[in-house]
Amino acid sequence: MLVKELLEQVGTKISTGDVTSRVVDSLVEKELNARKDAFLVVLTKLDETRKAGLKIKPDGETWAVDEKGAPSKEPIKTYSKARKEELEKNLAEQKKLEEALEKALGGDFSKVKELAAKGSKPEAA
């Protein structure tokens, strides 16, 4: 008797269920997951870019001379042209990624999706 009632309830629920709302809910969930995944890819890329930027060190050090001709206590760090360009490129990449994430937080995910398409999928989150 309980099984028959259970099956009847299932049949009633299916016959009165709103397929449209379930489709809409599924599509919304799919888009939200795509946005979340894209955001995580770009956020991971920003973290990697920042870490790479910290590894770019000056090529050398020089010491300034004071008015008496004695060297300063603190060195002046110097970059070669190639290293300077590498650092500038890294900083520009960081800025681009940050701006895309800021736009996404404001509701515009277009740039994040574009940048994520160039990246890879995030680890299981």
Protein backbone atom coordinates (compact mmCIF):
# COMPACT_ATOMS: atom_id res chain seq x y z
CA MET A 1 0.00 0.00 0.00
CA LEU A 2 2.76 2.47 0.83
CA VAL A 3 4.61 1.79 -2.40
CA LYS A 4 1.46 2.38 -4.45
CA GLU A 5 0.84 5.70 -2.66
CA LEU A 6 4.47 6.70 -3.14
CA LEU A 7 4.30 6.01 -6.86
CA GLU A 8 1.03 7.95 -7.12
CA GLN A 9 2.63 10.92 -5.37
CA VAL A 10 5.60 10.79 -7.73
CA GLY A 11 3.27 10.65 -10.73
CA THR A 12 1.25 13.61 -9.45
CA LYS A 13 4.40 15.64 -8.77
CA ILE A 14 5.75 14.92 -12.26
CA SER A 15 2.46 15.80 -13.96
CA THR A 16 2.20 19.14 -12.14
CA GLY A 17 5.93 19.99 -12.17
CA ASP A 18 7.03 23.16 -13.93
CA VAL A 19 9.60 22.09 -16.52
CA THR A 20 10.29 25.67 -17.57
CA SER A 21 11.39 26.76 -14.11
CA ARG A 22 13.67 23.74 -13.82
CA VAL A 23 15.26 24.50 -17.19
CA VAL A 24 15.75 28.13 -16.18
CA ASP A 25 17.25 27.08 -12.85
CA SER A 26 19.62 24.68 -14.62
CA LEU A 27 20.75 27.33 -17.09
CA VAL A 28 21.29 29.86 -14.30
CA GLU A 29 23.33 27.36 -12.33
CA LYS A 30 25.39 26.51 -15.41
CA GLU A 31 26.18 30.20 -16.04
CA LEU A 32 27.03 30.83 -12.39
CA ASN A 33 29.42 27.87 -12.41
CA ALA A 34 31.04 29.13 -15.62
CA ARG A 35 31.52 32.58 -14.07
CA LYS A 36 32.92 31.10 -10.85
CA ASP A 37 35.36 28.91 -12.78
CA ALA A 38 36.49 31.83 -14.97
CA PHE A 39 36.95 34.05 -11.92
CA LEU A 40 39.07 31.38 -10.19
CA VAL A 41 41.24 30.90 -13.28
CA VAL A 42 41.96 34.64 -13.51
CA LEU A 43 42.48 34.95 -9.75
CA THR A 44 44.99 32.08 -9.86
CA LYS A 45 46.74 33.69 -12.82
CA LEU A 46 46.98 36.98 -10.90
CA ASP A 47 48.53 35.18 -7.93
CA GLU A 48 51.05 33.44 -10.19
CA THR A 49 51.88 36.72 -11.95
CA ARG A 50 52.44 38.50 -8.64
CA LYS A 51 54.73 35.72 -7.43
CA ALA A 52 56.66 35.84 -10.70
CA GLY A 53 57.01 39.62 -10.33
CA LEU A 54 58.55 39.21 -6.89
CA LYS A 55 61.21 36.97 -8.40
CA ILE A 56 62.39 39.71 -10.77
CA LYS A 57 65.39 41.08 -8.93
CA PRO A 58 67.75 43.93 -9.80
CA ASP A 59 70.79 43.01 -11.87
CA GLY A 60 73.22 44.90 -9.71
CA GLU A 61 73.93 47.34 -6.96
CA THR A 62 75.89 50.56 -6.89
CA TRP A 63 76.71 52.91 -4.08
CA ALA A 64 76.29 56.64 -4.30
CA VAL A 65 79.06 58.89 -3.07
CA ASP A 66 78.42 61.63 -0.53
CA GLU A 67 79.93 65.12 -0.64
CA LYS A 68 83.10 63.87 1.09
CA GLY A 69 83.59 61.08 -1.44
CA ALA A 70 82.57 58.29 0.91
CA PRO A 71 80.19 55.59 -0.36
CA SER A 72 76.67 55.57 1.00
CA LYS A 73 75.61 52.91 3.44
CA GLU A 74 72.62 51.80 1.34
CA PRO A 75 73.15 50.49 -2.19
CA ILE A 76 71.19 51.71 -5.18
CA LYS A 77 69.66 48.74 -6.98
CA THR A 78 69.84 48.82 -10.76
CA TYR A 79 68.00 46.96 -13.49
CA SER A 80 69.22 46.19 -16.97
CA LYS A 81 66.96 47.33 -19.79
CA ALA A 82 65.75 43.75 -20.41
CA ARG A 83 65.01 43.15 -16.73
CA LYS A 84 63.20 46.52 -16.46
CA GLU A 85 61.04 45.62 -19.48
CA GLU A 86 60.29 42.21 -17.93
CA LEU A 87 59.20 43.91 -14.69
CA GLU A 88 57.05 46.46 -16.55
CA LYS A 89 55.40 43.68 -18.57
CA ASN A 90 54.66 41.77 -15.37
CA LEU A 91 53.14 44.83 -13.71
CA ALA A 92 50.99 45.53 -16.79
CA GLU A 93 49.73 41.93 -16.73
CA GLN A 94 48.88 42.24 -13.03
CA LYS A 95 46.96 45.45 -13.71
CA LYS A 96 45.02 43.84 -16.58
CA LEU A 97 44.04 40.86 -14.43
CA GLU A 98 43.06 43.05 -11.47
CA GLU A 99 40.89 45.27 -13.68
CA ALA A 100 39.11 42.22 -15.13
CA LEU A 101 38.41 40.88 -11.64
CA GLU A 102 37.14 44.28 -10.48
CA LYS A 103 34.75 44.43 -13.45
CA ALA A 104 33.55 40.90 -12.67
CA LEU A 105 32.84 41.87 -9.09
CA GLY A 106 30.76 44.69 -10.56
CA GLY A 107 28.79 42.22 -12.69
CA ASP A 108 30.66 42.37 -16.05
CA PHE A 109 32.27 38.97 -16.56
CA SER A 110 33.15 39.44 -20.24
CA LYS A 111 36.87 40.19 -19.71
CA VAL A 112 37.26 37.50 -17.05
CA LYS A 113 35.74 34.92 -19.39
CA GLU A 114 38.02 36.08 -22.20
CA LEU A 115 41.14 35.87 -20.03
CA ALA A 116 40.08 32.53 -18.53
CA ALA A 117 39.63 31.05 -21.98
CA LYS A 118 43.34 31.70 -22.51
CA GLY A 119 44.17 30.02 -19.18
CA SER A 120 43.38 26.62 -17.79
CA LYS A 121 40.70 25.20 -15.55
CA PRO A 122 41.16 25.70 -11.79
CA GLU A 123 41.76 22.84 -9.42
CA ALA A 124 38.68 21.34 -7.82
CA ALA A 125 37.14 24.06 -5.69
